[in-house]
N, C-alpha and C. Protein backbone atom coordinates (compact mmCIF):
# COMPACT_ATOMS: atom_id res chain seq x y z
N MET A 1 -28.79 83.32 -58.74
CA MET A 1 -27.51 82.64 -58.65
C MET A 1 -26.97 82.72 -57.21
N ASN A 2 -27.19 83.87 -56.55
CA ASN A 2 -26.70 84.04 -55.19
C ASN A 2 -27.38 83.06 -54.24
N LYS A 3 -28.68 82.75 -54.50
CA LYS A 3 -29.39 81.79 -53.66
C LYS A 3 -28.77 80.40 -53.79
N LEU A 4 -28.40 80.04 -55.01
CA LEU A 4 -27.79 78.73 -55.25
C LEU A 4 -26.44 78.63 -54.54
N ILE A 5 -25.64 79.65 -54.65
CA ILE A 5 -24.32 79.65 -53.99
C ILE A 5 -24.49 79.61 -52.48
N GLY A 6 -25.45 80.36 -51.96
CA GLY A 6 -25.72 80.34 -50.52
C GLY A 6 -26.17 78.97 -50.06
N TYR A 7 -27.01 78.34 -50.87
CA TYR A 7 -27.50 77.00 -50.54
C TYR A 7 -26.34 76.00 -50.50
N ILE A 8 -25.47 76.06 -51.48
CA ILE A 8 -24.32 75.14 -51.53
C ILE A 8 -23.40 75.37 -50.34
N LYS A 9 -23.13 76.62 -50.01
CA LYS A 9 -22.27 76.92 -48.86
C LYS A 9 -22.89 76.41 -47.56
N ALA A 10 -24.19 76.63 -47.41
CA ALA A 10 -24.88 76.17 -46.20
C ALA A 10 -24.87 74.63 -46.13
N SER A 11 -25.03 74.00 -47.27
CA SER A 11 -25.00 72.53 -47.30
C SER A 11 -23.64 71.99 -46.89
N ILE A 12 -22.59 72.62 -47.38
CA ILE A 12 -21.23 72.21 -47.02
C ILE A 12 -21.00 72.39 -45.53
N GLU A 13 -21.45 73.49 -44.97
CA GLU A 13 -21.30 73.73 -43.53
C GLU A 13 -22.06 72.69 -42.72
N GLU A 14 -23.26 72.34 -43.15
CA GLU A 14 -24.04 71.32 -42.44
C GLU A 14 -23.36 69.95 -42.53
N MET A 15 -22.78 69.63 -43.68
CA MET A 15 -22.10 68.35 -43.84
C MET A 15 -20.87 68.24 -42.92
N LYS A 16 -20.26 69.36 -42.60
CA LYS A 16 -19.12 69.36 -41.68
C LYS A 16 -19.56 69.04 -40.26
N LYS A 17 -20.83 69.29 -39.93
CA LYS A 17 -21.34 69.04 -38.59
C LYS A 17 -21.80 67.59 -38.40
N VAL A 18 -21.91 66.86 -39.48
CA VAL A 18 -22.41 65.49 -39.41
C VAL A 18 -21.38 64.60 -38.73
N THR A 19 -21.85 63.75 -37.83
CA THR A 19 -20.98 62.76 -37.20
C THR A 19 -21.13 61.46 -37.99
N TRP A 20 -20.13 61.13 -38.76
CA TRP A 20 -20.18 59.95 -39.60
C TRP A 20 -19.85 58.70 -38.77
N PRO A 21 -20.48 57.57 -39.08
CA PRO A 21 -20.17 56.34 -38.33
C PRO A 21 -18.76 55.85 -38.65
N THR A 22 -18.18 55.19 -37.67
CA THR A 22 -16.85 54.63 -37.89
C THR A 22 -16.96 53.40 -38.78
N LYS A 23 -15.83 52.90 -39.21
CA LYS A 23 -15.81 51.71 -40.06
C LYS A 23 -16.39 50.52 -39.31
N LYS A 24 -16.07 50.40 -38.03
CA LYS A 24 -16.58 49.30 -37.22
C LYS A 24 -18.10 49.39 -37.05
N GLU A 25 -18.61 50.60 -36.80
CA GLU A 25 -20.06 50.79 -36.67
C GLU A 25 -20.77 50.44 -37.97
N THR A 26 -20.21 50.88 -39.08
CA THR A 26 -20.80 50.58 -40.38
C THR A 26 -20.84 49.08 -40.62
N TYR A 27 -19.76 48.40 -40.29
CA TYR A 27 -19.69 46.94 -40.44
C TYR A 27 -20.75 46.28 -39.56
N ASN A 28 -20.85 46.69 -38.30
CA ASN A 28 -21.82 46.09 -37.38
C ASN A 28 -23.26 46.33 -37.84
N TYR A 29 -23.55 47.54 -38.29
CA TYR A 29 -24.91 47.84 -38.77
C TYR A 29 -25.23 47.04 -40.03
N THR A 30 -24.24 46.85 -40.89
CA THR A 30 -24.44 46.07 -42.11
C THR A 30 -24.77 44.62 -41.76
N ILE A 31 -24.01 44.05 -40.83
CA ILE A 31 -24.27 42.67 -40.40
C ILE A 31 -25.65 42.58 -39.76
N LEU A 32 -26.03 43.56 -38.97
CA LEU A 32 -27.34 43.58 -38.33
C LEU A 32 -28.46 43.62 -39.37
N VAL A 33 -28.33 44.45 -40.38
CA VAL A 33 -29.34 44.55 -41.44
C VAL A 33 -29.46 43.24 -42.20
N ILE A 34 -28.32 42.62 -42.51
CA ILE A 34 -28.35 41.34 -43.22
C ILE A 34 -29.01 40.27 -42.37
N ALA A 35 -28.68 40.21 -41.08
CA ALA A 35 -29.26 39.20 -40.19
C ALA A 35 -30.77 39.39 -40.05
N ILE A 36 -31.21 40.62 -39.87
CA ILE A 36 -32.64 40.88 -39.75
C ILE A 36 -33.35 40.55 -41.05
N SER A 37 -32.75 40.89 -42.18
CA SER A 37 -33.35 40.58 -43.48
C SER A 37 -33.49 39.07 -43.67
N LEU A 38 -32.47 38.32 -43.30
CA LEU A 38 -32.55 36.86 -43.41
C LEU A 38 -33.60 36.29 -42.48
N GLY A 39 -33.70 36.85 -41.26
CA GLY A 39 -34.70 36.40 -40.31
C GLY A 39 -36.12 36.65 -40.82
N VAL A 40 -36.35 37.82 -41.37
CA VAL A 40 -37.67 38.15 -41.91
C VAL A 40 -37.98 37.26 -43.12
N ALA A 41 -36.99 37.03 -43.97
CA ALA A 41 -37.19 36.16 -45.13
C ALA A 41 -37.54 34.74 -44.69
N LEU A 42 -36.86 34.24 -43.69
CA LEU A 42 -37.14 32.90 -43.17
C LEU A 42 -38.55 32.85 -42.58
N TYR A 43 -38.92 33.84 -41.81
CA TYR A 43 -40.24 33.90 -41.20
C TYR A 43 -41.34 33.93 -42.27
N LEU A 44 -41.18 34.80 -43.26
CA LEU A 44 -42.19 34.90 -44.32
C LEU A 44 -42.22 33.64 -45.17
N GLY A 45 -41.06 33.03 -45.42
CA GLY A 45 -41.02 31.78 -46.16
C GLY A 45 -41.73 30.67 -45.42
N LEU A 46 -41.54 30.62 -44.11
CA LEU A 46 -42.21 29.61 -43.29
C LEU A 46 -43.73 29.82 -43.31
N LEU A 47 -44.17 31.06 -43.18
CA LEU A 47 -45.60 31.35 -43.27
C LEU A 47 -46.16 30.95 -44.63
N ASP A 48 -45.40 31.20 -45.68
CA ASP A 48 -45.84 30.85 -47.03
C ASP A 48 -46.04 29.34 -47.15
N VAL A 49 -45.09 28.56 -46.63
CA VAL A 49 -45.20 27.10 -46.69
C VAL A 49 -46.40 26.63 -45.88
N ILE A 50 -46.59 27.18 -44.69
CA ILE A 50 -47.71 26.77 -43.84
C ILE A 50 -49.05 27.07 -44.53
N PHE A 51 -49.20 28.28 -45.05
CA PHE A 51 -50.46 28.64 -45.71
C PHE A 51 -50.66 27.84 -46.99
N SER A 52 -49.59 27.58 -47.74
CA SER A 52 -49.71 26.78 -48.95
C SER A 52 -50.17 25.37 -48.64
N LYS A 53 -49.56 24.75 -47.62
CA LYS A 53 -49.95 23.40 -47.22
C LYS A 53 -51.39 23.38 -46.70
N GLY A 54 -51.78 24.40 -45.94
CA GLY A 54 -53.14 24.49 -45.42
C GLY A 54 -54.15 24.62 -46.54
N LEU A 55 -53.86 25.46 -47.51
CA LEU A 55 -54.75 25.64 -48.65
C LEU A 55 -54.83 24.37 -49.49
N GLU A 56 -53.68 23.74 -49.69
CA GLU A 56 -53.65 22.47 -50.43
C GLU A 56 -54.49 21.42 -49.72
N TYR A 57 -54.39 21.36 -48.41
CA TYR A 57 -55.17 20.41 -47.62
C TYR A 57 -56.67 20.68 -47.78
N LEU A 58 -57.06 21.95 -47.72
CA LEU A 58 -58.47 22.31 -47.85
C LEU A 58 -59.00 21.98 -49.26
N ILE A 59 -58.20 22.17 -50.27
CA ILE A 59 -58.65 21.92 -51.64
C ILE A 59 -58.76 20.42 -51.92
N THR A 60 -57.78 19.65 -51.49
CA THR A 60 -57.76 18.21 -51.82
C THR A 60 -58.67 17.38 -50.95
N ASN A 61 -59.08 17.84 -49.80
CA ASN A 61 -59.90 17.03 -48.90
C ASN A 61 -61.35 17.49 -48.87
N ARG A 62 -61.83 18.03 -49.91
CA ARG A 62 -63.25 18.44 -49.97
C ARG A 62 -64.00 17.62 -50.91
């Protein structure tokens, strides 16, 4: 039981040392993650269309 209490106390002390992001930083990082996710989705979607059309071309023109 003493180990558990020591662990909890140490965890609380470590959490006090954490530098939490500000509201503005959190907002900016969220927008960045959304933008990158949309960019990757667009890129992968474009590749999917290109490969699908290429495969369709190879199948129908043989």
